[in-house]
Amino acid sequence: MPQATDWADVRVVGIPRALLFYRFGVLWTTFFEGIGRTVVVSEPTDKAIADAGEHRSVDECCLASKVFIGHVESLVGRCDAVFVPCYPTDDHRAGFCTKFQSVTDMVKSTFRDQHLRVISCEVRNARKMKDVRRPFEEMAARMGVSPRDARAAFKSAWEAQEAHDKAQADAQIRRMRALDERRRAAAGGDGAADEPLGILVVAHPYITHDPYMSSAVTDALADMGATVLYADAVDHERAYKKSFEFSDTMPWLINRELIGAILMFEDHIDGIVLISAFPCGPDSMTDDAIMRCIQGKPILNLMIDAQSGTAGVETRVESFVDILRFQQKGGYVHA
């Protein structure tokens, strides 16, 4: 049995810049810093990191998991232990893909020959503060931190994550309102210039906010003058509740939030771009449901993998924007 403070000697904690880091990274880093640890976050994804993850992973792993393994490898020798939390679920409508449940064991197995030290905790309900606090405090106890200091660190970390999420959501609301204002101004003009175009990018945060994964899409949209909105930059709780208008049985928390965001923004956008990392199981189901059930908005469905170049993606994005521009000018008859 492990000793109660078997992680007390861990002073430098490594955090891979991948997967749920893009959803809960502020919480994680603030917590460890709050209990007096130094945090080392891996560098942004590049080809070397992606290739390293590809080399160490089995073919069946999704691209996002392979990239994650590459980030873990980049932290070997730079920290005392790598933080790899486990996110199983007690709520079948607010859970995570199985990769988030197995990732701790996957990392330990993949890097067993390097004797990589892994610290972890098990979060069963990511939506409830008390259900997140308990495993983090238990982890802190194993690191030799007093209950009082652990509680204070977690409180600060939770508040920091909430402030970060709110800032992202507020900034997006401002972009959306500015887009609406530009539309109204264009409607009152002479019609010589292109009308403003708003496109919602729907993807997991670890795709949207990792330039290596998504920049070919988002840069192409911006270069063509579109205002890009992001489905993950919303009030998460509101989006989660909104998603039940779409499905009562959808089992994945982040997919629910993305679908809820579509419903929240569909009156303010001209088109939707879905981006998935091959071969994502949850996205294969939810993206198909979105394509079938979201009516009245053109949708471009993109799948990225380790072997794809960017030229084909950019061409598809440019064609999609051209279609939307043609539609704005009355090129299609709406039923």
Protein backbone atom coordinates (compact mmCIF):
# COMPACT_ATOMS: atom_id res chain seq x y z
CA MET A 1 0.00 0.00 0.00
CA PRO A 2 1.33 3.50 -0.79
CA GLN A 3 2.26 5.73 2.09
CA ALA A 4 -0.04 8.68 2.83
CA THR A 5 2.62 11.13 1.63
CA ASP A 6 4.30 9.04 -1.09
CA TRP A 7 4.28 12.06 -3.47
CA ALA A 8 5.66 14.56 -0.94
CA ASP A 9 9.01 14.74 -2.75
CA VAL A 10 7.39 15.89 -6.01
CA ARG A 11 8.34 19.55 -6.30
CA VAL A 12 8.15 20.08 -10.08
CA VAL A 13 4.95 18.94 -11.78
CA GLY A 14 4.80 18.48 -15.56
CA ILE A 15 1.50 19.04 -17.36
CA PRO A 16 1.05 17.98 -21.01
CA ARG A 17 -0.37 20.76 -23.19
CA ALA A 18 -3.01 18.51 -24.76
CA LEU A 19 -6.45 16.93 -24.27
CA LEU A 20 -8.26 18.31 -21.21
CA PHE A 21 -5.52 20.85 -20.51
CA TYR A 22 -7.44 23.08 -22.90
CA ARG A 23 -10.57 22.73 -20.75
CA PHE A 24 -9.21 22.58 -17.19
CA GLY A 25 -5.61 23.75 -17.52
CA VAL A 26 -6.08 26.94 -15.53
CA LEU A 27 -7.56 24.92 -12.66
CA TRP A 28 -4.68 22.45 -12.71
CA THR A 29 -1.81 24.92 -12.92
CA THR A 30 -3.30 27.29 -10.34
CA PHE A 31 -3.88 24.43 -7.91
CA PHE A 32 -0.34 23.07 -8.07
CA GLU A 33 1.14 26.54 -7.80
CA GLY A 34 -1.17 27.17 -4.84
CA ILE A 35 0.28 24.19 -2.95
CA GLY A 36 3.80 25.42 -3.58
CA ARG A 37 4.80 23.33 -6.57
CA THR A 38 6.56 24.49 -9.72
CA VAL A 39 4.58 23.74 -12.85
CA VAL A 40 6.18 22.94 -16.21
CA VAL A 41 3.75 22.91 -19.12
CA SER A 42 4.96 21.24 -22.31
CA GLU A 43 5.66 23.44 -25.32
CA PRO A 44 2.98 24.02 -27.98
CA THR A 45 2.42 21.12 -30.35
CA ASP A 46 4.78 20.89 -33.32
CA LYS A 47 5.65 18.18 -35.81
CA ALA A 48 8.31 16.67 -33.55
CA ILE A 49 5.84 16.25 -30.68
CA ALA A 50 3.17 14.84 -32.99
CA ASP A 51 5.63 12.41 -34.61
CA ALA A 52 6.91 11.26 -31.21
CA GLY A 53 3.37 10.52 -30.09
CA GLU A 54 2.62 8.71 -33.35
CA HIS A 55 5.71 6.53 -32.87
CA ARG A 56 4.75 5.51 -29.33
CA SER A 57 1.03 4.95 -29.93
CA VAL A 58 -0.93 2.08 -31.41
CA ASP A 59 -2.67 2.76 -34.71
CA GLU A 60 -6.15 2.62 -33.15
CA CYS A 61 -5.52 5.66 -30.94
CA CYS A 62 -7.11 8.90 -32.11
CA LEU A 63 -4.87 11.72 -33.28
CA ALA A 64 -5.52 13.73 -30.11
CA SER A 65 -4.34 10.84 -27.92
CA LYS A 66 -1.20 10.41 -30.02
CA VAL A 67 -0.41 14.12 -29.68
CA PHE A 68 -0.93 13.82 -25.92
CA ILE A 69 1.62 11.01 -25.70
CA GLY A 70 4.07 13.18 -27.61
CA HIS A 71 3.60 15.93 -25.04
CA VAL A 72 4.20 13.50 -22.19
CA GLU A 73 7.44 12.35 -23.80
CA SER A 74 8.58 15.96 -24.12
CA LEU A 75 8.30 16.31 -20.32
CA VAL A 76 10.51 13.32 -19.49
CA GLY A 77 13.52 14.60 -17.53
CA ARG A 78 12.03 18.07 -17.07
CA CYS A 79 9.94 17.38 -13.96
CA ASP A 80 9.66 15.12 -10.93
CA ALA A 81 6.32 13.72 -12.06
CA VAL A 82 3.73 14.22 -14.79
CA PHE A 83 0.14 15.03 -13.85
CA VAL A 84 -2.29 12.80 -15.75
CA PRO A 85 -5.76 12.93 -14.19
CA CYS A 86 -8.46 10.34 -14.78
CA TYR A 87 -12.02 11.44 -15.67
CA PRO A 88 -14.46 8.53 -15.35
CA THR A 89 -18.11 9.39 -14.86
CA ASP A 90 -20.99 8.85 -12.47
CA ASP A 91 -23.44 10.70 -14.75
CA HIS A 92 -24.06 9.02 -18.10
CA ARG A 93 -25.11 12.39 -19.62
CA ALA A 94 -22.03 14.31 -18.46
CA GLY A 95 -19.17 11.90 -19.02
CA PHE A 96 -16.04 11.77 -21.12
CA CYS A 97 -14.65 9.58 -23.87
CA THR A 98 -13.00 6.40 -22.59
CA LYS A 99 -9.57 7.82 -23.42
CA PHE A 100 -9.96 10.24 -20.51
CA GLN A 101 -10.76 7.34 -18.22
CA SER A 102 -7.81 5.20 -19.32
CA VAL A 103 -5.19 7.85 -20.03
CA THR A 104 -3.41 7.50 -16.65
CA ASP A 105 -2.83 3.78 -17.14
CA MET A 106 -1.96 4.34 -20.80
CA VAL A 107 0.81 6.78 -19.86
CA LYS A 108 2.18 4.53 -17.13
CA SER A 109 2.29 1.59 -19.54
CA THR A 110 3.76 3.55 -22.45
CA PHE A 111 6.59 5.02 -20.38
CA ARG A 112 7.27 2.13 -18.02
CA ASP A 113 10.80 1.66 -19.37
CA GLN A 114 11.59 5.31 -18.66
CA HIS A 115 10.29 4.86 -15.09
CA LEU A 116 8.22 7.99 -15.59
CA ARG A 117 6.52 9.01 -12.38
CA VAL A 118 2.83 9.83 -12.73
CA ILE A 119 0.60 11.59 -10.23
CA SER A 120 -3.13 11.52 -10.71
CA CYS A 121 -6.58 11.94 -9.25
CA GLU A 122 -9.98 10.58 -10.23
CA VAL A 123 -12.67 13.15 -11.03
CA ARG A 124 -16.09 11.56 -11.41
CA ASN A 125 -18.22 14.65 -11.96
CA ALA A 126 -16.40 17.57 -13.56
CA ARG A 127 -19.49 19.83 -13.34
CA LYS A 128 -19.72 19.86 -9.53
CA MET A 129 -17.16 21.77 -7.48
CA LYS A 130 -17.35 19.43 -4.46
CA ASP A 131 -16.85 16.38 -6.67
CA VAL A 132 -13.71 17.92 -8.17
CA ARG A 133 -12.39 19.32 -4.90
CA ARG A 134 -12.34 16.00 -3.05
CA PRO A 135 -9.91 14.12 -5.34
CA PHE A 136 -7.66 17.16 -5.66
CA GLU A 137 -7.46 17.48 -1.89
CA GLU A 138 -6.73 13.77 -1.57
CA MET A 139 -3.95 14.13 -4.14
CA ALA A 140 -2.54 17.11 -2.24
CA ALA A 141 -2.52 15.06 0.97
CA ARG A 142 -0.32 12.47 -0.75
CA MET A 143 1.98 15.37 -1.66
CA GLY A 144 2.32 16.29 2.01
CA VAL A 145 0.02 19.32 1.89
CA SER A 146 -2.18 20.17 4.86
CA PRO A 147 -5.98 20.00 4.39
CA ARG A 148 -6.27 23.73 5.04
CA ASP A 149 -3.69 24.64 2.39
CA ALA A 150 -5.22 22.20 -0.08
CA ARG A 151 -8.70 23.69 0.40
CA ALA A 152 -7.39 27.23 -0.06
CA ALA A 153 -5.44 26.24 -3.19
CA PHE A 154 -8.43 24.50 -4.71
CA LYS A 155 -10.75 27.43 -4.00
CA SER A 156 -8.35 29.78 -5.79
CA ALA A 157 -7.93 27.33 -8.67
CA TRP A 158 -11.68 26.85 -9.16
CA GLU A 159 -12.25 30.61 -9.13
CA ALA A 160 -9.39 31.16 -11.59
CA GLN A 161 -10.86 28.60 -14.01
CA GLU A 162 -14.31 30.18 -13.71
CA ALA A 163 -12.85 33.64 -14.37
CA HIS A 164 -10.95 32.34 -17.40
CA ASP A 165 -14.05 30.65 -18.82
CA LYS A 166 -16.18 33.74 -18.23
CA ALA A 167 -13.61 35.99 -19.92
CA GLN A 168 -13.63 33.73 -22.99
CA ALA A 169 -17.42 33.64 -23.11
CA ASP A 170 -17.74 37.42 -22.63
CA ALA A 171 -15.18 38.10 -25.37
CA GLN A 172 -17.12 35.87 -27.74
CA ILE A 173 -20.41 37.65 -26.96
CA ARG A 174 -18.70 40.93 -27.84
CA ARG A 175 -17.50 39.47 -31.16
CA MET A 176 -20.98 38.20 -31.91
CA ARG A 177 -22.56 41.58 -31.13
CA ALA A 178 -19.98 43.36 -33.27
CA LEU A 179 -20.81 40.96 -36.10
CA ASP A 180 -24.52 41.72 -35.73
CA GLU A 181 -23.78 45.46 -35.79
CA ARG A 182 -21.75 45.09 -38.98
CA ARG A 183 -24.61 43.16 -40.55
CA ARG A 184 -27.07 45.92 -39.71
CA ALA A 185 -24.70 48.53 -41.11
CA ALA A 186 -24.21 46.49 -44.30
CA ALA A 187 -27.97 46.10 -44.70
CA GLY A 188 -28.32 49.87 -44.72
CA GLY A 189 -25.49 50.43 -47.21
CA ASP A 190 -25.35 50.33 -50.99
CA GLY A 191 -24.60 46.59 -51.12
CA ALA A 192 -21.29 47.03 -52.96
CA ALA A 193 -19.19 45.29 -50.30
CA ASP A 194 -19.50 41.71 -49.09
CA GLU A 195 -21.80 41.30 -46.12
CA PRO A 196 -20.10 40.22 -42.87
CA LEU A 197 -19.82 36.45 -42.58
CA GLY A 198 -19.94 34.62 -39.25
CA ILE A 199 -18.80 31.01 -38.97
CA LEU A 200 -18.99 28.84 -35.86
CA VAL A 201 -16.08 26.42 -35.43
CA VAL A 202 -17.29 23.35 -33.53
CA ALA A 203 -14.50 21.19 -32.15
CA HIS A 204 -13.09 19.94 -28.89
CA PRO A 205 -10.95 22.58 -27.16
CA TYR A 206 -7.84 20.45 -27.66
CA ILE A 207 -8.37 20.88 -31.40
CA THR A 208 -9.67 24.45 -31.53
CA HIS A 209 -6.95 25.95 -29.35
CA ASP A 210 -4.01 23.89 -30.58
CA PRO A 211 -2.68 25.77 -33.62
CA TYR A 212 -0.96 22.64 -34.93
CA MET A 213 -4.36 20.94 -35.13
CA SER A 214 -6.66 23.76 -36.22
CA SER A 215 -4.76 26.71 -37.69
CA ALA A 216 -5.14 25.50 -41.28
CA VAL A 217 -8.89 25.91 -40.81
CA THR A 218 -9.11 29.02 -38.65
CA ASP A 219 -6.41 30.90 -40.58
CA ALA A 220 -8.14 30.15 -43.89
CA LEU A 221 -11.45 31.42 -42.51
CA ALA A 222 -9.86 34.61 -41.20
CA ASP A 223 -7.95 35.17 -44.46
CA MET A 224 -11.25 35.09 -46.31
CA GLY A 225 -12.70 37.77 -44.07
CA ALA A 226 -14.98 35.61 -41.94
CA THR A 227 -15.61 36.32 -38.27
CA VAL A 228 -14.74 33.11 -36.46
CA LEU A 229 -16.71 32.11 -33.37
CA TYR A 230 -15.86 29.08 -31.24
CA ALA A 231 -18.39 26.65 -29.83
CA ASP A 232 -16.30 25.96 -26.73
CA ALA A 233 -16.01 29.65 -25.76
CA VAL A 234 -19.44 29.87 -24.15
CA ASP A 235 -21.13 29.70 -20.78
CA HIS A 236 -20.55 25.98 -20.28
CA GLU A 237 -23.43 25.42 -17.89
CA ARG A 238 -25.90 27.23 -20.12
CA ALA A 239 -24.69 25.30 -23.19
CA TYR A 240 -24.94 22.00 -21.31
CA LYS A 241 -28.58 22.68 -20.35
CA LYS A 242 -29.38 23.93 -23.85
CA SER A 243 -28.12 20.65 -25.34
CA PHE A 244 -31.10 18.77 -23.91
CA GLU A 245 -33.24 20.48 -26.54
CA PHE A 246 -31.20 18.45 -29.04
CA SER A 247 -30.84 15.13 -27.20
CA ASP A 248 -31.82 13.77 -23.82
CA THR A 249 -29.44 10.82 -24.05
CA MET A 250 -26.15 12.26 -25.38
CA PRO A 251 -23.50 10.80 -23.04
CA TRP A 252 -20.51 13.16 -23.43
CA LEU A 253 -20.14 16.42 -21.52
CA ILE A 254 -18.04 18.38 -23.99
CA ASN A 255 -20.05 17.20 -26.99
CA ARG A 256 -23.14 18.37 -25.15
CA GLU A 257 -21.58 21.77 -24.55
CA LEU A 258 -20.65 22.07 -28.24
CA ILE A 259 -24.15 21.16 -29.38
CA GLY A 260 -25.66 23.57 -26.88
CA ALA A 261 -23.42 26.31 -28.27
CA ILE A 262 -24.70 25.63 -31.79
CA LEU A 263 -28.26 26.11 -30.58
CA MET A 264 -27.25 29.29 -28.74
CA PHE A 265 -25.51 30.86 -31.75
CA GLU A 266 -27.37 29.50 -34.76
CA ASP A 267 -29.33 32.72 -35.29
CA HIS A 268 -26.11 34.75 -35.41
CA ILE A 269 -24.00 32.67 -37.81
CA ASP A 270 -23.97 31.90 -41.53
CA GLY A 271 -22.33 28.48 -41.39
CA ILE A 272 -20.78 25.82 -39.19
CA VAL A 273 -17.41 24.08 -39.49
CA LEU A 274 -17.09 20.78 -37.63
CA ILE A 275 -13.52 19.61 -36.95
CA SER A 276 -12.74 16.16 -35.58
CA ALA A 277 -9.53 14.25 -34.93
CA PHE A 278 -9.52 10.86 -36.66
CA PRO A 279 -10.94 8.46 -35.50
CA CYS A 280 -12.85 10.13 -32.63
CA GLY A 281 -15.71 7.88 -31.52
CA PRO A 282 -17.93 10.49 -29.80
CA ASP A 283 -17.52 12.94 -32.68
CA SER A 284 -18.37 10.29 -35.27
CA MET A 285 -21.80 10.01 -33.67
CA THR A 286 -22.47 13.61 -32.66
CA ASP A 287 -21.21 15.14 -35.91
CA ASP A 288 -23.49 12.86 -37.88
CA ALA A 289 -26.42 13.88 -35.66
CA ILE A 290 -25.57 17.55 -36.15
CA MET A 291 -25.40 17.13 -39.92
CA ARG A 292 -28.80 15.44 -39.92
CA CYS A 293 -30.66 17.55 -37.39
CA ILE A 294 -29.34 21.12 -37.56
CA GLN A 295 -31.40 22.63 -40.37
CA GLY A 296 -31.00 25.93 -42.18
CA LYS A 297 -27.23 26.36 -41.74
CA PRO A 298 -24.62 25.06 -44.20
CA ILE A 299 -22.17 22.72 -42.48
CA LEU A 300 -18.62 21.73 -43.46
CA ASN A 301 -17.45 18.52 -41.76
CA LEU A 302 -13.65 18.13 -41.58
CA MET A 303 -11.62 15.20 -40.25
CA ILE A 304 -7.91 15.71 -39.52
CA ASP A 305 -5.33 12.99 -39.07
CA ALA A 306 -1.58 12.59 -38.79
CA GLN A 307 -1.15 11.88 -42.50
CA SER A 308 -3.16 14.78 -43.93
CA GLY A 309 -1.56 17.87 -45.36
CA THR A 310 -3.16 21.29 -45.08
CA ALA A 311 -3.70 22.06 -48.76
CA GLY A 312 -6.82 19.94 -49.08
CA VAL A 313 -8.30 21.38 -45.89
CA GLU A 314 -7.66 24.95 -46.99
CA THR A 315 -9.25 24.28 -50.38
CA ARG A 316 -12.38 22.87 -48.78
CA VAL A 317 -12.63 25.83 -46.39
CA GLU A 318 -12.22 28.33 -49.22
CA SER A 319 -14.88 26.54 -51.27
CA PHE A 320 -17.23 26.55 -48.27
CA VAL A 321 -16.79 30.30 -47.77
CA ASP A 322 -17.35 30.91 -51.49
CA ILE A 323 -20.62 28.99 -51.27
CA LEU A 324 -21.72 31.05 -48.27
CA ARG A 325 -20.88 34.28 -50.12
CA PHE A 326 -22.84 33.08 -53.14
CA GLN A 327 -25.77 32.24 -50.89
CA GLN A 328 -25.63 35.72 -49.30
CA LYS A 329 -25.99 37.26 -52.74
CA GLY A 330 -29.15 35.27 -53.43
CA GLY A 331 -27.53 32.45 -55.35
CA TYR A 332 -29.74 29.86 -53.71
CA VAL A 333 -33.47 29.79 -53.23
CA HIS A 334 -34.53 29.02 -49.65
CA ALA A 335 -37.58 26.89 -49.04
